[in-house]
Amino acid sequence: MDIRNFESILTVGENVAVEFKRCGSGIGNDVYESICSFLNRFGGDHAVGKGSRYF
């Protein structure tokens, strides 16, 4: 993924194929559940970060 693709995803926001997760002190179970649901569907993109600068 290049920077333009990533910026486009940030602009569009969450949808059926994109999810943003905030992980302040570690990766929670909800992140793993989301990844598994994406794997069981059509795939997608996860953006995991510590802050909310972009989401």
PDB file of N, CA and C in Angstrom:
ATOM      1  N   MET A   1       0.849  -1.164   0.000  1.00  0.00           N
ATOM      2  CA  MET A   1       0.000   0.000   0.000  1.00  0.00           C
ATOM      3  C   MET A   1       0.902   1.236   0.000  1.00  0.00           C
ATOM      4  N   ASP A   2       0.610   2.163  -0.865  1.00  0.00           N
ATOM      5  CA  ASP A   2       1.382   3.397  -0.885  1.00  0.00           C
ATOM      6  C   ASP A   2       0.645   4.491  -0.110  1.00  0.00           C
ATOM      7  N   ILE A   3       1.282   5.625   0.056  1.00  0.00           N
ATOM      8  CA  ILE A   3       0.731   6.702   0.882  1.00  0.00           C
ATOM      9  C   ILE A   3      -0.569   7.253   0.304  1.00  0.00           C
ATOM     10  N   ARG A   4      -0.693   7.316  -1.003  1.00  0.00           N
ATOM     11  CA  ARG A   4      -1.935   7.825  -1.606  1.00  0.00           C
ATOM     12  C   ARG A   4      -3.104   6.896  -1.335  1.00  0.00           C
ATOM     13  N   ASN A   5      -2.850   5.602  -1.419  1.00  0.00           N
ATOM     14  CA  ASN A   5      -3.890   4.625  -1.110  1.00  0.00           C
ATOM     15  C   ASN A   5      -4.319   4.752   0.350  1.00  0.00           C
ATOM     16  N   PHE A   6      -3.361   4.876   1.255  1.00  0.00           N
ATOM     17  CA  PHE A   6      -3.656   5.002   2.676  1.00  0.00           C
ATOM     18  C   PHE A   6      -4.424   6.288   2.962  1.00  0.00           C
ATOM     19  N   GLU A   7      -4.023   7.391   2.354  1.00  0.00           N
ATOM     20  CA  GLU A   7      -4.735   8.659   2.533  1.00  0.00           C
ATOM     21  C   GLU A   7      -6.167   8.559   2.028  1.00  0.00           C
ATOM     22  N   SER A   8      -6.366   7.851   0.934  1.00  0.00           N
ATOM     23  CA  SER A   8      -7.709   7.645   0.402  1.00  0.00           C
ATOM     24  C   SER A   8      -8.578   6.864   1.394  1.00  0.00           C
ATOM     25  N   ILE A   9      -7.997   5.844   1.999  1.00  0.00           N
ATOM     26  CA  ILE A   9      -8.729   5.055   2.999  1.00  0.00           C
ATOM     27  C   ILE A   9      -9.102   5.926   4.192  1.00  0.00           C
ATOM     28  N   LEU A  10      -8.185   6.769   4.636  1.00  0.00           N
ATOM     29  CA  LEU A  10      -8.476   7.663   5.755  1.00  0.00           C
ATOM     30  C   LEU A  10      -9.573   8.654   5.412  1.00  0.00           C
ATOM     31  N   THR A  11      -9.582   9.133   4.181  1.00  0.00           N
ATOM     32  CA  THR A  11     -10.592  10.097   3.754  1.00  0.00           C
ATOM     33  C   THR A  11     -11.978   9.473   3.711  1.00  0.00           C
ATOM     34  N   VAL A  12     -12.077   8.272   3.174  1.00  0.00           N
ATOM     35  CA  VAL A  12     -13.368   7.587   3.059  1.00  0.00           C
ATOM     36  C   VAL A  12     -13.875   7.159   4.428  1.00  0.00           C
ATOM     37  N   GLY A  13     -12.975   6.691   5.268  1.00  0.00           N
ATOM     38  CA  GLY A  13     -13.363   6.263   6.610  1.00  0.00           C
ATOM     39  C   GLY A  13     -13.753   4.800   6.656  1.00  0.00           C
ATOM     40  N   GLU A  14     -14.299   4.398   7.797  1.00  0.00           N
ATOM     41  CA  GLU A  14     -14.665   3.000   7.989  1.00  0.00           C
ATOM     42  C   GLU A  14     -15.822   2.591   7.094  1.00  0.00           C
ATOM     43  N   ASN A  15     -15.765   1.353   6.664  1.00  0.00           N
ATOM     44  CA  ASN A  15     -16.852   0.764   5.887  1.00  0.00           C
ATOM     45  C   ASN A  15     -16.744  -0.750   6.022  1.00  0.00           C
ATOM     46  N   VAL A  16     -17.402  -1.486   5.154  1.00  0.00           N
ATOM     47  CA  VAL A  16     -17.404  -2.940   5.260  1.00  0.00           C
ATOM     48  C   VAL A  16     -16.016  -3.550   5.079  1.00  0.00           C
ATOM     49  N   ALA A  17     -15.095  -2.828   4.453  1.00  0.00           N
ATOM     50  CA  ALA A  17     -13.758  -3.355   4.193  1.00  0.00           C
ATOM     51  C   ALA A  17     -12.643  -2.590   4.902  1.00  0.00           C
ATOM     52  N   VAL A  18     -12.999  -1.600   5.720  1.00  0.00           N
ATOM     53  CA  VAL A  18     -11.990  -0.784   6.419  1.00  0.00           C
ATOM     54  C   VAL A  18     -12.425  -0.585   7.861  1.00  0.00           C
ATOM     55  N   GLU A  19     -11.474  -0.766   8.774  1.00  0.00           N
ATOM     56  CA  GLU A  19     -11.766  -0.531  10.184  1.00  0.00           C
ATOM     57  C   GLU A  19     -10.558   0.097  10.852  1.00  0.00           C
ATOM     58  N   PHE A  20     -10.816   1.073  11.723  1.00  0.00           N
ATOM     59  CA  PHE A  20      -9.769   1.737  12.483  1.00  0.00           C
ATOM     60  C   PHE A  20      -9.881   1.286  13.942  1.00  0.00           C
ATOM     61  N   LYS A  21      -8.749   0.976  14.546  1.00  0.00           N
ATOM     62  CA  LYS A  21      -8.722   0.564  15.950  1.00  0.00           C
ATOM     63  C   LYS A  21      -7.679   1.377  16.686  1.00  0.00           C
ATOM     64  N   ARG A  22      -8.027   1.806  17.878  1.00  0.00           N
ATOM     65  CA  ARG A  22      -7.122   2.533  18.745  1.00  0.00           C
ATOM     66  C   ARG A  22      -6.636   1.575  19.828  1.00  0.00           C
ATOM     67  N   CYS A  23      -5.331   1.470  20.005  1.00  0.00           N
ATOM     68  CA  CYS A  23      -4.738   0.556  20.990  1.00  0.00           C
ATOM     69  C   CYS A  23      -3.790   1.343  21.871  1.00  0.00           C
ATOM     70  N   GLY A  24      -4.277   1.848  22.979  1.00  0.00           N
ATOM     71  CA  GLY A  24      -3.451   2.664  23.857  1.00  0.00           C
ATOM     72  C   GLY A  24      -2.396   1.884  24.604  1.00  0.00           C
ATOM     73  N   SER A  25      -2.790   0.781  25.238  1.00  0.00           N
ATOM     74  CA  SER A  25      -1.838   0.056  26.073  1.00  0.00           C
ATOM     75  C   SER A  25      -1.651  -1.385  25.628  1.00  0.00           C
ATOM     76  N   GLY A  26      -2.092  -1.700  24.450  1.00  0.00           N
ATOM     77  CA  GLY A  26      -1.938  -3.060  23.938  1.00  0.00           C
ATOM     78  C   GLY A  26      -3.090  -3.402  23.007  1.00  0.00           C
ATOM     79  N   ILE A  27      -2.949  -4.504  22.338  1.00  0.00           N
ATOM     80  CA  ILE A  27      -3.972  -4.929  21.390  1.00  0.00           C
ATOM     81  C   ILE A  27      -5.039  -5.715  22.144  1.00  0.00           C
ATOM     82  N   GLY A  28      -6.265  -5.232  22.073  1.00  0.00           N
ATOM     83  CA  GLY A  28      -7.376  -5.867  22.771  1.00  0.00           C
ATOM     84  C   GLY A  28      -8.031  -6.957  21.943  1.00  0.00           C
ATOM     85  N   ASN A  29      -8.898  -7.712  22.585  1.00  0.00           N
ATOM     86  CA  ASN A  29      -9.595  -8.803  21.909  1.00  0.00           C
ATOM     87  C   ASN A  29     -10.430  -8.329  20.730  1.00  0.00           C
ATOM     88  N   ASP A  30     -10.961  -7.107  20.807  1.00  0.00           N
ATOM     89  CA  ASP A  30     -11.793  -6.618  19.706  1.00  0.00           C
ATOM     90  C   ASP A  30     -11.007  -6.489  18.405  1.00  0.00           C
ATOM     91  N   VAL A  31      -9.700  -6.219  18.504  1.00  0.00           N
ATOM     92  CA  VAL A  31      -8.867  -6.150  17.297  1.00  0.00           C
ATOM     93  C   VAL A  31      -8.775  -7.527  16.662  1.00  0.00           C
ATOM     94  N   TYR A  32      -8.507  -8.528  17.484  1.00  0.00           N
ATOM     95  CA  TYR A  32      -8.405  -9.900  16.965  1.00  0.00           C
ATOM     96  C   TYR A  32      -9.736 -10.372  16.371  1.00  0.00           C
ATOM     97  N   GLU A  33     -10.837 -10.023  17.023  1.00  0.00           N
ATOM     98  CA  GLU A  33     -12.159 -10.396  16.503  1.00  0.00           C
ATOM     99  C   GLU A  33     -12.420  -9.745  15.153  1.00  0.00           C
ATOM    100  N   SER A  34     -12.049  -8.477  15.015  1.00  0.00           N
ATOM    101  CA  SER A  34     -12.247  -7.774  13.742  1.00  0.00           C
ATOM    102  C   SER A  34     -11.408  -8.390  12.636  1.00  0.00           C
ATOM    103  N   ILE A  35     -10.160  -8.710  12.947  1.00  0.00           N
ATOM    104  CA  ILE A  35      -9.281  -9.307  11.939  1.00  0.00           C
ATOM    105  C   ILE A  35      -9.831 -10.653  11.501  1.00  0.00           C
ATOM    106  N   CYS A  36     -10.283 -11.457  12.452  1.00  0.00           N
ATOM    107  CA  CYS A  36     -10.853 -12.763  12.106  1.00  0.00           C
ATOM    108  C   CYS A  36     -12.105 -12.612  11.257  1.00  0.00           C
ATOM    109  N   SER A  37     -12.939 -11.629  11.571  1.00  0.00           N
ATOM    110  CA  SER A  37     -14.150 -11.446  10.765  1.00  0.00           C
ATOM    111  C   SER A  37     -13.798 -11.001   9.345  1.00  0.00           C
ATOM    112  N   PHE A  38     -12.760 -10.177   9.197  1.00  0.00           N
ATOM    113  CA  PHE A  38     -12.326  -9.780   7.855  1.00  0.00           C
ATOM    114  C   PHE A  38     -11.778 -10.988   7.090  1.00  0.00           C
ATOM    115  N   LEU A  39     -11.026 -11.837   7.783  1.00  0.00           N
ATOM    116  CA  LEU A  39     -10.470 -13.026   7.129  1.00  0.00           C
ATOM    117  C   LEU A  39     -11.565 -13.980   6.685  1.00  0.00           C
ATOM    118  N   ASN A  40     -12.648 -14.041   7.435  1.00  0.00           N
ATOM    119  CA  ASN A  40     -13.747 -14.931   7.104  1.00  0.00           C
ATOM    120  C   ASN A  40     -14.692 -14.336   6.060  1.00  0.00           C
ATOM    121  N   ARG A  41     -14.453 -13.102   5.691  1.00  0.00           N
ATOM    122  CA  ARG A  41     -15.320 -12.445   4.708  1.00  0.00           C
ATOM    123  C   ARG A  41     -14.556 -12.227   3.415  1.00  0.00           C
ATOM    124  N   PHE A  42     -14.346 -10.993   3.035  1.00  0.00           N
ATOM    125  CA  PHE A  42     -13.684 -10.660   1.768  1.00  0.00           C
ATOM    126  C   PHE A  42     -12.308 -10.046   1.965  1.00  0.00           C
ATOM    127  N   GLY A  43     -11.853  -9.947   3.194  1.00  0.00           N
ATOM    128  CA  GLY A  43     -10.605  -9.241   3.471  1.00  0.00           C
ATOM    129  C   GLY A  43     -10.884  -7.778   3.727  1.00  0.00           C
ATOM    130  N   GLY A  44      -9.844  -7.008   3.831  1.00  0.00           N
ATOM    131  CA  GLY A  44     -10.014  -5.583   4.076  1.00  0.00           C
ATOM    132  C   GLY A  44      -8.752  -4.985   4.647  1.00  0.00           C
ATOM    133  N   ASP A  45      -8.869  -3.772   5.152  1.00  0.00           N
ATOM    134  CA  ASP A  45      -7.730  -3.050   5.705  1.00  0.00           C
ATOM    135  C   ASP A  45      -8.022  -2.657   7.146  1.00  0.00           C
ATOM    136  N   HIS A  46      -7.035  -2.874   8.009  1.00  0.00           N
ATOM    137  CA  HIS A  46      -7.108  -2.438   9.402  1.00  0.00           C
ATOM    138  C   HIS A  46      -6.021  -1.407   9.619  1.00  0.00           C
ATOM    139  N   ALA A  47      -6.375  -0.322  10.254  1.00  0.00           N
ATOM    140  CA  ALA A  47      -5.390   0.667  10.674  1.00  0.00           C
ATOM    141  C   ALA A  47      -5.412   0.663  12.198  1.00  0.00           C
ATOM    142  N   VAL A  48      -4.304   0.256  12.798  1.00  0.00           N
ATOM    143  CA  VAL A  48      -4.202   0.156  14.251  1.00  0.00           C
ATOM    144  C   VAL A  48      -3.196   1.181  14.706  1.00  0.00           C
ATOM    145  N   GLY A  49      -3.600   2.011  15.670  1.00  0.00           N
ATOM    146  CA  GLY A  49      -2.699   3.049  16.159  1.00  0.00           C
ATOM    147  C   GLY A  49      -2.932   3.367  17.613  1.00  0.00           C
ATOM    148  N   LYS A  50      -2.019   4.111  18.163  1.00  0.00           N
ATOM    149  CA  LYS A  50      -2.093   4.466  19.574  1.00  0.00           C
ATOM    150  C   LYS A  50      -2.964   5.690  19.798  1.00  0.00           C
ATOM    151  N   GLY A  51      -2.914   6.651  18.916  1.00  0.00           N
ATOM    152  CA  GLY A  51      -3.639   7.896  19.115  1.00  0.00           C
ATOM    153  C   GLY A  51      -4.816   8.031  18.175  1.00  0.00           C
ATOM    154  N   SER A  52      -5.428   9.206  18.230  1.00  0.00           N
ATOM    155  CA  SER A  52      -6.589   9.441  17.369  1.00  0.00           C
ATOM    156  C   SER A  52      -6.309  10.546  16.361  1.00  0.00           C
ATOM    157  N   ARG A  53      -5.054  10.716  16.001  1.00  0.00           N
ATOM    158  CA  ARG A  53      -4.694  11.771  15.058  1.00  0.00           C
ATOM    159  C   ARG A  53      -5.444  11.615  13.742  1.00  0.00           C
ATOM    160  N   TYR A  54      -5.559  10.387  13.262  1.00  0.00           N
ATOM    161  CA  TYR A  54      -6.220  10.158  11.986  1.00  0.00           C
ATOM    162  C   TYR A  54      -7.626   9.620  12.143  1.00  0.00           C
ATOM    163  N   PHE A  55      -7.939   9.011  13.267  1.00  0.00           N
ATOM    164  CA  PHE A  55      -9.270   8.477  13.441  1.00  0.00           C
ATOM    165  C   PHE A  55      -9.761   8.963  14.750  1.00  0.00           C
TER     166      PHE A  55
END
